[in-house]
PDB file of N, CA and C in Angstrom:
ATOM      1  N   UNK A   1       5.859 224.322 -61.816  1.00  0.00           N
ATOM      2  CA  UNK A   1       5.740 222.855 -61.786  1.00  0.00           C
ATOM      3  C   UNK A   1       4.990 222.405 -60.293  1.00  0.00           C
ATOM      4  N   UNK A   2       4.218 221.382 -60.409  1.00  0.00           N
ATOM      5  CA  UNK A   2       3.448 220.902 -59.131  1.00  0.00           C
ATOM      6  C   UNK A   2       4.481 220.318 -58.110  1.00  0.00           C
ATOM      7  N   UNK A   3       4.208 220.525 -57.093  1.00  0.00           N
ATOM      8  CA  UNK A   3       5.001 219.932 -56.060  1.00  0.00           C
ATOM      9  C   UNK A   3       4.760 218.558 -55.786  1.00  0.00           C
ATOM     10  N   UNK A   4       5.753 218.016 -55.141  1.00  0.00           N
ATOM     11  CA  UNK A   4       5.340 216.328 -55.015  1.00  0.00           C
ATOM     12  C   UNK A   4       4.093 216.226 -54.164  1.00  0.00           C
ATOM     13  N   UNK A   5       3.837 216.899 -53.026  1.00  0.00           N
ATOM     14  CA  UNK A   5       2.567 216.626 -52.462  1.00  0.00           C
ATOM     15  C   UNK A   5       1.339 216.851 -53.217  1.00  0.00           C
ATOM     16  N   UNK A   6       1.498 217.756 -54.177  1.00  0.00           N
ATOM     17  CA  UNK A   6       0.124 218.044 -55.019  1.00  0.00           C
ATOM     18  C   UNK A   6       0.093 216.872 -55.997  1.00  0.00           C
ATOM     19  N   UNK A   7       1.211 216.176 -56.547  1.00  0.00           N
ATOM     20  CA  UNK A   7       1.291 215.351 -57.407  1.00  0.00           C
ATOM     21  C   UNK A   7       0.714 213.945 -56.797  1.00  0.00           C
ATOM     22  N   UNK A   8       0.879 213.869 -55.619  1.00  0.00           N
ATOM     23  CA  UNK A   8       0.375 212.544 -54.835  1.00  0.00           C
ATOM     24  C   UNK A   8      -1.120 212.815 -54.677  1.00  0.00           C
ATOM     25  N   UNK A   9      -1.424 214.118 -54.312  1.00  0.00           N
ATOM     26  CA  UNK A   9      -2.904 214.240 -54.064  1.00  0.00           C
ATOM     27  C   UNK A   9      -3.647 214.059 -55.462  1.00  0.00           C
ATOM     28  N   UNK A  10      -3.111 214.557 -56.647  1.00  0.00           N
ATOM     29  CA  UNK A  10      -3.589 214.189 -57.752  1.00  0.00           C
ATOM     30  C   UNK A  10      -3.898 212.620 -58.281  1.00  0.00           C
ATOM     31  N   UNK A  11      -2.892 212.040 -58.002  1.00  0.00           N
ATOM     32  CA  UNK A  11      -2.865 210.709 -58.227  1.00  0.00           C
ATOM     33  C   UNK A  11      -3.836 209.923 -57.248  1.00  0.00           C
ATOM     34  N   UNK A  12      -3.927 210.275 -56.210  1.00  0.00           N
ATOM     35  CA  UNK A  12      -5.032 209.728 -55.348  1.00  0.00           C
ATOM     36  C   UNK A  12      -6.419 210.158 -55.625  1.00  0.00           C
ATOM     37  N   UNK A  13      -6.624 211.319 -56.153  1.00  0.00           N
ATOM     38  CA  UNK A  13      -7.868 211.774 -56.608  1.00  0.00           C
ATOM     39  C   UNK A  13      -8.222 210.882 -57.999  1.00  0.00           C
ATOM     40  N   UNK A  14      -7.279 210.740 -58.849  1.00  0.00           N
ATOM     41  CA  UNK A  14      -7.532 209.853 -60.039  1.00  0.00           C
ATOM     42  C   UNK A  14      -7.939 208.456 -59.445  1.00  0.00           C
ATOM     43  N   UNK A  15      -7.136 207.945 -58.638  1.00  0.00           N
ATOM     44  CA  UNK A  15      -7.508 206.641 -58.216  1.00  0.00           C
ATOM     45  C   UNK A  15      -8.822 206.477 -57.639  1.00  0.00           C
ATOM     46  N   UNK A  16      -9.184 207.525 -56.794  1.00  0.00           N
ATOM     47  CA  UNK A  16     -10.531 207.369 -56.078  1.00  0.00           C
ATOM     48  C   UNK A  16     -11.522 207.490 -57.022  1.00  0.00           C
ATOM     49  N   UNK A  17     -11.254 208.203 -58.209  1.00  0.00           N
ATOM     50  CA  UNK A  17     -12.388 208.413 -59.210  1.00  0.00           C
ATOM     51  C   UNK A  17     -12.458 207.001 -60.116  1.00  0.00           C
ATOM     52  N   UNK A  18     -11.305 206.442 -60.283  1.00  0.00           N
ATOM     53  CA  UNK A  18     -11.499 205.048 -60.727  1.00  0.00           C
ATOM     54  C   UNK A  18     -12.293 203.998 -59.852  1.00  0.00           C
ATOM     55  N   UNK A  19     -12.096 204.123 -58.521  1.00  0.00           N
ATOM     56  CA  UNK A  19     -12.736 203.181 -57.693  1.00  0.00           C
ATOM     57  C   UNK A  19     -14.196 203.518 -57.677  1.00  0.00           C
ATOM     58  N   UNK A  20     -14.662 204.862 -57.744  1.00  0.00           N
ATOM     59  CA  UNK A  20     -15.837 205.262 -57.438  1.00  0.00           C
ATOM     60  C   UNK A  20     -16.756 204.986 -58.922  1.00  0.00           C
ATOM     61  N   UNK A  21     -16.009 205.132 -60.209  1.00  0.00           N
ATOM     62  CA  UNK A  21     -16.629 204.653 -61.407  1.00  0.00           C
ATOM     63  C   UNK A  21     -16.699 203.144 -61.402  1.00  0.00           C
ATOM     64  N   UNK A  22     -15.853 202.379 -60.754  1.00  0.00           N
ATOM     65  CA  UNK A  22     -16.023 200.988 -60.774  1.00  0.00           C
ATOM     66  C   UNK A  22     -17.211 200.494 -60.044  1.00  0.00           C
ATOM     67  N   UNK A  23     -17.342 201.071 -58.806  1.00  0.00           N
ATOM     68  CA  UNK A  23     -18.549 200.842 -57.989  1.00  0.00           C
ATOM     69  C   UNK A  23     -19.821 201.155 -58.755  1.00  0.00           C
ATOM     70  N   UNK A  24     -19.897 202.240 -59.422  1.00  0.00           N
ATOM     71  CA  UNK A  24     -20.924 202.793 -60.178  1.00  0.00           C
ATOM     72  C   UNK A  24     -21.269 201.797 -61.290  1.00  0.00           C
ATOM     73  N   UNK A  25     -20.137 201.228 -62.011  1.00  0.00           N
ATOM     74  CA  UNK A  25     -20.297 200.192 -63.178  1.00  0.00           C
ATOM     75  C   UNK A  25     -20.986 198.896 -62.220  1.00  0.00           C
ATOM     76  N   UNK A  26     -20.736 198.597 -61.180  1.00  0.00           N
ATOM     77  CA  UNK A  26     -21.313 197.401 -60.550  1.00  0.00           C
ATOM     78  C   UNK A  26     -22.687 197.645 -60.055  1.00  0.00           C
ATOM     79  N   UNK A  27     -22.945 198.868 -59.707  1.00  0.00           N
ATOM     80  CA  UNK A  27     -24.278 199.250 -59.347  1.00  0.00           C
ATOM     81  C   UNK A  27     -25.271 199.198 -60.619  1.00  0.00           C
ATOM     82  N   UNK A  28     -24.595 199.659 -61.830  1.00  0.00           N
ATOM     83  CA  UNK A  28     -25.446 199.809 -63.023  1.00  0.00           C
ATOM     84  C   UNK A  28     -25.532 198.511 -63.689  1.00  0.00           C
ATOM     85  N   UNK A  29     -24.479 197.778 -63.885  1.00  0.00           N
ATOM     86  CA  UNK A  29     -24.511 196.575 -64.536  1.00  0.00           C
ATOM     87  C   UNK A  29     -24.449 195.264 -63.924  1.00  0.00           C
ATOM     88  N   UNK A  30     -24.053 195.420 -62.653  1.00  0.00           N
ATOM     89  CA  UNK A  30     -23.925 194.113 -61.924  1.00  0.00           C
ATOM     90  C   UNK A  30     -22.621 193.363 -62.262  1.00  0.00           C
ATOM     91  N   UNK A  31     -21.715 193.968 -62.707  1.00  0.00           N
ATOM     92  CA  UNK A  31     -20.286 193.349 -62.849  1.00  0.00           C
ATOM     93  C   UNK A  31     -19.352 194.490 -63.037  1.00  0.00           C
ATOM     94  N   UNK A  32     -18.094 194.152 -62.655  1.00  0.00           N
ATOM     95  CA  UNK A  32     -17.148 195.138 -62.610  1.00  0.00           C
ATOM     96  C   UNK A  32     -16.280 195.177 -64.109  1.00  0.00           C
ATOM     97  N   UNK A  33     -16.356 196.292 -64.618  1.00  0.00           N
ATOM     98  CA  UNK A  33     -15.475 196.676 -65.844  1.00  0.00           C
ATOM     99  C   UNK A  33     -14.191 197.086 -65.513  1.00  0.00           C
ATOM    100  N   UNK A  34     -13.053 196.378 -65.844  1.00  0.00           N
ATOM    101  CA  UNK A  34     -11.670 196.710 -65.492  1.00  0.00           C
ATOM    102  C   UNK A  34     -11.257 197.817 -66.487  1.00  0.00           C
ATOM    103  N   UNK A  35     -10.940 199.089 -66.069  1.00  0.00           N
ATOM    104  CA  UNK A  35     -10.346 200.024 -67.080  1.00  0.00           C
ATOM    105  C   UNK A  35      -8.978 200.116 -66.964  1.00  0.00           C
ATOM    106  N   UNK A  36      -8.190 199.561 -67.881  1.00  0.00           N
ATOM    107  CA  UNK A  36      -6.824 199.513 -68.009  1.00  0.00           C
ATOM    108  C   UNK A  36      -5.993 200.656 -68.768  1.00  0.00           C
ATOM    109  N   UNK A  37      -6.905 201.198 -69.376  1.00  0.00           N
ATOM    110  CA  UNK A  37      -6.460 202.289 -70.483  1.00  0.00           C
ATOM    111  C   UNK A  37      -6.474 203.632 -69.941  1.00  0.00           C
ATOM    112  N   UNK A  38      -6.998 203.698 -68.657  1.00  0.00           N
ATOM    113  CA  UNK A  38      -6.718 205.180 -67.853  1.00  0.00           C
ATOM    114  C   UNK A  38      -5.553 205.166 -67.035  1.00  0.00           C
ATOM    115  N   UNK A  39      -4.770 206.143 -67.183  1.00  0.00           N
ATOM    116  CA  UNK A  39      -3.693 206.339 -66.391  1.00  0.00           C
ATOM    117  C   UNK A  39      -3.730 207.637 -65.700  1.00  0.00           C
TER     118      UNK A  39
END
């Protein structure tokens, strides 16, 4: 099983991925798309 530290790192990496994708949507579309179905 994953340790608590690696779980936190994975959550942080997922969060950073969502942030980067949001910025990409802004750059591409000019507006923010809220992604609520990604957990």
